[in-house]
Structures are given as structure tokens and as C-alpha cells.
N, C-alpha and C. Protein backbone atom coordinates (compact mmCIF):
# COMPACT_ATOMS: atom_id res chain seq x y z
N UNK A 1 -3.14 16.67 19.09
CA UNK A 1 -2.79 17.45 18.40
C UNK A 1 -1.99 16.73 17.08
N UNK A 2 -1.41 16.14 17.54
CA UNK A 2 -0.28 15.05 16.79
C UNK A 2 -0.97 14.18 16.22
N UNK A 3 -1.44 13.38 17.07
CA UNK A 3 -2.48 12.06 16.49
C UNK A 3 -3.25 12.91 15.12
N UNK A 4 -3.65 14.15 15.31
CA UNK A 4 -4.80 14.75 14.39
C UNK A 4 -4.01 14.77 12.99
N UNK A 5 -3.31 15.54 13.11
CA UNK A 5 -1.98 15.55 12.27
C UNK A 5 -1.63 14.45 11.37
N UNK A 6 -0.98 13.30 11.61
CA UNK A 6 -0.55 12.11 11.28
C UNK A 6 -1.68 11.86 10.50
N UNK A 7 -2.99 11.30 10.75
CA UNK A 7 -4.24 10.75 10.62
C UNK A 7 -4.14 11.42 9.30
N UNK A 8 -4.39 12.71 9.12
CA UNK A 8 -4.87 13.84 7.99
C UNK A 8 -3.60 13.23 6.91
N UNK A 9 -2.69 13.73 7.14
CA UNK A 9 -1.46 13.02 6.23
C UNK A 9 -1.65 11.88 5.69
N UNK A 10 -1.95 10.88 6.96
CA UNK A 10 -2.07 9.80 5.83
C UNK A 10 -3.01 9.47 5.27
N UNK A 11 -4.53 9.90 5.52
CA UNK A 11 -5.41 10.28 4.41
C UNK A 11 -5.21 10.77 3.05
N UNK A 12 -4.61 12.46 3.28
CA UNK A 12 -4.12 12.73 2.01
C UNK A 12 -3.00 12.37 1.38
N UNK A 13 -2.17 11.54 1.61
CA UNK A 13 -1.27 10.77 0.73
C UNK A 13 -2.13 9.53 0.07
N UNK A 14 -2.64 8.67 0.92
CA UNK A 14 -3.34 7.55 0.35
C UNK A 14 -4.95 8.51 -0.70
N UNK A 15 -4.97 9.69 -0.90
CA UNK A 15 -5.81 9.93 -1.49
C UNK A 15 -5.80 10.62 -2.61
N UNK A 16 -4.23 10.96 -2.32
CA UNK A 16 -3.85 11.96 -3.37
C UNK A 16 -4.22 11.53 -4.93
N UNK A 17 -4.29 10.01 -5.39
CA UNK A 17 -4.28 9.81 -6.79
C UNK A 17 -5.54 10.22 -6.83
N UNK A 18 -6.48 10.32 -5.91
CA UNK A 18 -7.57 10.14 -6.21
C UNK A 18 -8.72 11.39 -6.46
N UNK A 19 -7.69 12.50 -6.44
CA UNK A 19 -7.69 14.03 -6.52
C UNK A 19 -8.96 14.47 -5.67
N UNK A 20 -9.06 14.20 -4.17
CA UNK A 20 -10.05 14.40 -3.27
C UNK A 20 -9.17 14.92 -2.06
N UNK A 21 -9.74 15.94 -1.63
CA UNK A 21 -8.98 16.60 -0.24
C UNK A 21 -9.61 15.59 0.57
N UNK A 22 -9.00 16.00 1.87
CA UNK A 22 -8.99 15.28 2.71
C UNK A 22 -10.43 14.95 3.91
N UNK A 23 -11.07 16.69 3.46
CA UNK A 23 -12.37 17.00 3.88
C UNK A 23 -13.72 16.67 2.75
N UNK A 24 -12.95 16.22 1.61
CA UNK A 24 -14.33 15.92 0.80
C UNK A 24 -14.25 14.55 0.76
N UNK A 25 -13.42 13.48 0.96
CA UNK A 25 -13.21 11.74 1.19
C UNK A 25 -13.92 12.09 2.57
N UNK A 26 -13.41 12.69 3.68
CA UNK A 26 -14.33 12.03 4.86
C UNK A 26 -16.16 12.88 5.03
N UNK A 27 -16.39 13.10 3.77
CA UNK A 27 -17.63 13.66 3.41
C UNK A 27 -18.77 12.51 2.48
N UNK A 28 -17.86 12.12 1.64
CA UNK A 28 -18.05 10.59 0.91
C UNK A 28 -18.27 9.70 1.78
N UNK A 29 -17.47 9.77 2.72
CA UNK A 29 -17.93 8.04 3.52
C UNK A 29 -18.98 8.21 4.77
N UNK A 30 -18.99 9.80 4.78
CA UNK A 30 -20.64 9.86 5.62
C UNK A 30 -21.74 8.65 4.63
N UNK A 31 -21.63 8.50 3.73
CA UNK A 31 -22.88 8.15 3.25
C UNK A 31 -22.64 6.87 3.15
N UNK A 32 -21.55 6.06 4.09
CA UNK A 32 -21.75 4.54 4.69
C UNK A 32 -22.88 4.24 5.15
N UNK A 33 -23.65 3.33 5.73
CA UNK A 33 -24.58 3.39 6.64
C UNK A 33 -24.44 1.94 6.50
N UNK A 34 -25.69 1.40 7.48
CA UNK A 34 -25.89 -0.11 8.20
C UNK A 34 -27.52 0.02 7.89
N UNK A 35 -28.03 -1.15 8.16
CA UNK A 35 -29.06 -1.25 8.56
C UNK A 35 -29.50 -2.80 9.54
N UNK A 36 -30.12 -2.38 10.27
CA UNK A 36 -30.56 -3.36 11.42
C UNK A 36 -31.60 -4.36 11.03
N UNK A 37 -31.20 -5.85 11.08
CA UNK A 37 -31.46 -6.65 10.61
C UNK A 37 -32.11 -7.81 11.91
N UNK A 38 -33.38 -8.54 11.94
CA UNK A 38 -33.73 -8.95 12.51
C UNK A 38 -33.09 -10.70 12.53
N UNK A 39 -32.69 -10.55 13.82
CA UNK A 39 -32.33 -12.32 13.92
C UNK A 39 -33.36 -13.14 13.72
N UNK A 40 -33.44 -14.71 13.91
CA UNK A 40 -34.47 -15.55 13.84
C UNK A 40 -34.20 -15.79 15.69
N UNK A 41 -34.73 -15.45 16.53
CA UNK A 41 -34.64 -16.28 18.28
C UNK A 41 -34.40 -15.11 18.79
N UNK A 42 -34.50 -13.61 18.60
CA UNK A 42 -34.56 -12.32 18.86
C UNK A 42 -32.85 -12.10 18.73
N UNK A 43 -32.98 -10.46 18.97
CA UNK A 43 -31.87 -9.76 18.63
C UNK A 43 -31.76 -9.75 17.32
N UNK A 44 -30.44 -8.60 17.15
CA UNK A 44 -30.80 -8.25 15.45
C UNK A 44 -28.82 -7.70 15.40
N UNK A 45 -28.91 -7.54 14.23
CA UNK A 45 -27.27 -7.45 13.45
C UNK A 45 -27.43 -6.10 12.50
N UNK A 46 -26.74 -5.55 12.61
CA UNK A 46 -26.28 -4.44 11.54
C UNK A 46 -25.50 -4.82 10.70
N UNK A 47 -26.62 -4.88 9.13
CA UNK A 47 -25.91 -5.12 7.71
C UNK A 47 -25.20 -3.90 7.47
N UNK A 48 -24.07 -4.13 6.96
CA UNK A 48 -23.33 -2.97 6.38
C UNK A 48 -23.76 -2.79 4.99
N UNK A 49 -24.28 -1.70 4.17
CA UNK A 49 -24.75 -1.99 2.85
C UNK A 49 -23.23 -1.39 2.18
N UNK A 50 -23.42 -1.83 0.68
CA UNK A 50 -22.34 -1.81 -0.10
C UNK A 50 -22.05 -0.21 -0.33
N UNK A 51 -20.93 0.00 -0.18
CA UNK A 51 -20.75 1.22 -0.84
C UNK A 51 -20.87 1.29 -2.16
N UNK A 52 -21.20 2.85 -2.76
CA UNK A 52 -21.01 3.21 -3.89
C UNK A 52 -19.45 2.96 -4.57
N UNK A 53 -19.02 3.60 -5.46
CA UNK A 53 -17.70 3.69 -6.30
C UNK A 53 -16.78 4.61 -5.72
N UNK A 54 -17.36 5.86 -5.29
CA UNK A 54 -16.66 6.49 -4.57
C UNK A 54 -16.02 6.14 -3.32
N UNK A 55 -16.85 6.30 -2.40
CA UNK A 55 -16.44 5.35 -0.79
C UNK A 55 -15.83 4.72 -1.07
N UNK A 56 -16.24 3.71 -2.12
CA UNK A 56 -14.91 1.96 -1.90
C UNK A 56 -13.59 2.39 -2.83
N UNK A 57 -13.28 3.32 -3.56
CA UNK A 57 -12.27 3.72 -3.88
C UNK A 57 -11.40 4.39 -2.68
N UNK A 58 -12.14 5.15 -1.85
CA UNK A 58 -11.82 5.53 -0.65
C UNK A 58 -10.97 5.10 -0.03
N UNK A 59 -11.61 3.56 0.40
CA UNK A 59 -11.59 2.60 1.28
C UNK A 59 -10.86 1.96 0.97
N UNK A 60 -10.49 1.63 -0.57
CA UNK A 60 -9.44 0.83 -1.08
C UNK A 60 -7.89 1.37 -1.28
N UNK A 61 -8.00 2.66 -1.00
CA UNK A 61 -6.36 3.25 -1.25
C UNK A 61 -6.35 3.19 -0.07
N UNK A 62 -7.06 2.94 1.11
CA UNK A 62 -6.64 2.74 2.77
C UNK A 62 -6.56 1.67 2.84
N UNK A 63 -6.95 0.17 1.91
CA UNK A 63 -6.45 -0.34 1.84
C UNK A 63 -7.56 -1.30 3.37
N UNK A 64 -8.25 -0.83 3.37
CA UNK A 64 -9.69 -0.92 4.14
C UNK A 64 -10.86 -1.97 3.64
N UNK A 65 -11.17 -3.31 4.29
CA UNK A 65 -12.38 -3.63 3.97
C UNK A 65 -13.13 -3.35 4.66
N UNK A 66 -14.20 -3.67 4.75
CA UNK A 66 -15.86 -3.44 5.45
C UNK A 66 -16.65 -4.81 5.54
N UNK A 67 -16.85 -5.08 6.86
CA UNK A 67 -17.48 -6.49 7.26
C UNK A 67 -18.96 -6.45 6.93
N UNK A 68 -19.05 -7.69 6.35
CA UNK A 68 -21.03 -7.75 5.63
C UNK A 68 -21.50 -7.28 6.76
N UNK A 69 -21.55 -7.54 7.87
CA UNK A 69 -22.05 -7.28 9.19
C UNK A 69 -21.83 -7.04 10.57
N UNK A 70 -22.69 -6.52 11.41
CA UNK A 70 -22.12 -6.21 12.47
C UNK A 70 -22.83 -6.31 13.95
N UNK A 71 -22.54 -7.24 14.94
CA UNK A 71 -23.88 -7.38 16.33
C UNK A 71 -24.52 -6.11 16.68
N UNK A 72 -25.56 -6.16 16.52
CA UNK A 72 -26.36 -5.44 17.26
C UNK A 72 -26.37 -4.97 18.88
N UNK A 73 -25.91 -4.44 19.78
CA UNK A 73 -26.16 -4.40 21.13
C UNK A 73 -26.41 -2.96 21.27
N UNK A 74 -27.77 -3.21 22.48
CA UNK A 74 -28.07 -1.57 22.81
C UNK A 74 -27.37 -1.54 23.86
N UNK A 75 -26.15 -0.79 24.06
CA UNK A 75 -25.26 -0.08 25.01
C UNK A 75 -25.57 0.96 25.29
N UNK A 76 -26.03 1.42 26.64
CA UNK A 76 -26.52 3.07 26.73
C UNK A 76 -24.86 3.53 26.89
N UNK A 77 -25.02 5.23 26.51
CA UNK A 77 -23.42 5.58 26.62
C UNK A 77 -24.25 6.55 27.79
N UNK A 78 -23.33 6.50 28.35
CA UNK A 78 -23.34 7.00 29.97
C UNK A 78 -21.82 8.17 30.02
N UNK A 79 -22.14 9.25 29.31
CA UNK A 79 -21.45 10.18 29.68
C UNK A 79 -20.81 10.50 31.07
N UNK A 80 -19.39 10.98 31.51
CA UNK A 80 -18.52 10.89 32.77
C UNK A 80 -19.35 12.62 33.34
N UNK A 81 -19.57 13.29 32.82
CA UNK A 81 -19.80 14.75 32.75
C UNK A 81 -21.51 14.80 32.45
N UNK A 82 -22.15 15.47 33.33
CA UNK A 82 -23.58 15.74 32.88
C UNK A 82 -23.54 17.10 31.51
N UNK A 83 -24.08 16.50 30.72
CA UNK A 83 -23.93 17.45 29.79
C UNK A 83 -25.11 18.16 30.02
N UNK A 84 -24.31 19.44 29.07
CA UNK A 84 -25.47 20.97 28.68
C UNK A 84 -26.61 20.38 28.81
N UNK A 85 -28.01 20.92 29.13
CA UNK A 85 -28.78 20.77 28.35
C UNK A 85 -29.70 20.69 27.40
N UNK A 86 -28.63 22.06 26.22
CA UNK A 86 -28.53 22.67 25.18
C UNK A 86 -28.00 21.18 23.97
N UNK A 87 -26.95 20.15 24.82
CA UNK A 87 -26.15 19.15 24.20
C UNK A 87 -27.36 18.17 24.64
N UNK A 88 -28.25 17.63 25.07
CA UNK A 88 -28.55 16.23 25.53
C UNK A 88 -29.25 15.81 24.05
N UNK A 89 -28.98 14.28 24.42
CA UNK A 89 -29.82 13.73 22.93
C UNK A 89 -31.20 13.90 22.96
N UNK A 90 -31.41 13.73 21.84
CA UNK A 90 -33.25 14.19 21.97
C UNK A 90 -33.64 12.56 21.86
């Protein structure tokens, strides 16, 4: 619980000059996306799209830069506990 408070406080302080709440800022950051790009010879990478003005300002206030791309791997995620039927991914 303490870590969540510290993260929230850091975001609130960094974004205070942008006049957004933490919730609004996180909602705006949800617009960030990537595109899978095939690589010659097989495989693929994820290309990070250029963020629009608002998410770019939020990241700049936190002094965070985005990479141009990320390696794309098909790593299956296996939970330690069996998920209830209603929560299983589709």
C-alpha cells in the first residue's frame, strides 16, 4: 500500500503544472500503443507509435523517454494459481 501511495504522490507532483489529476493522466497514457512489425528473416518487433501531445507532455514531466521499438516475443504467461472460469483469457 505504501508503494502505491508513493507512486501516486510522485505522479501528482510531476503533473501538477499540467493541471491533470493522476487518474486523468493515467487515462491519457492508455492511448499509447505499439504495432507489430515483421522483421526480415523471421520474427517481429513492436514499434512504439509517436504519442500525441498530451501523453508526450505527461511523460516529459516524469522525464521518461519511450524507445522506438521493443523485441516481440511470444512468451506464454502461466499463472501460479488456476484462474476461475470467469477470469480466463479469451
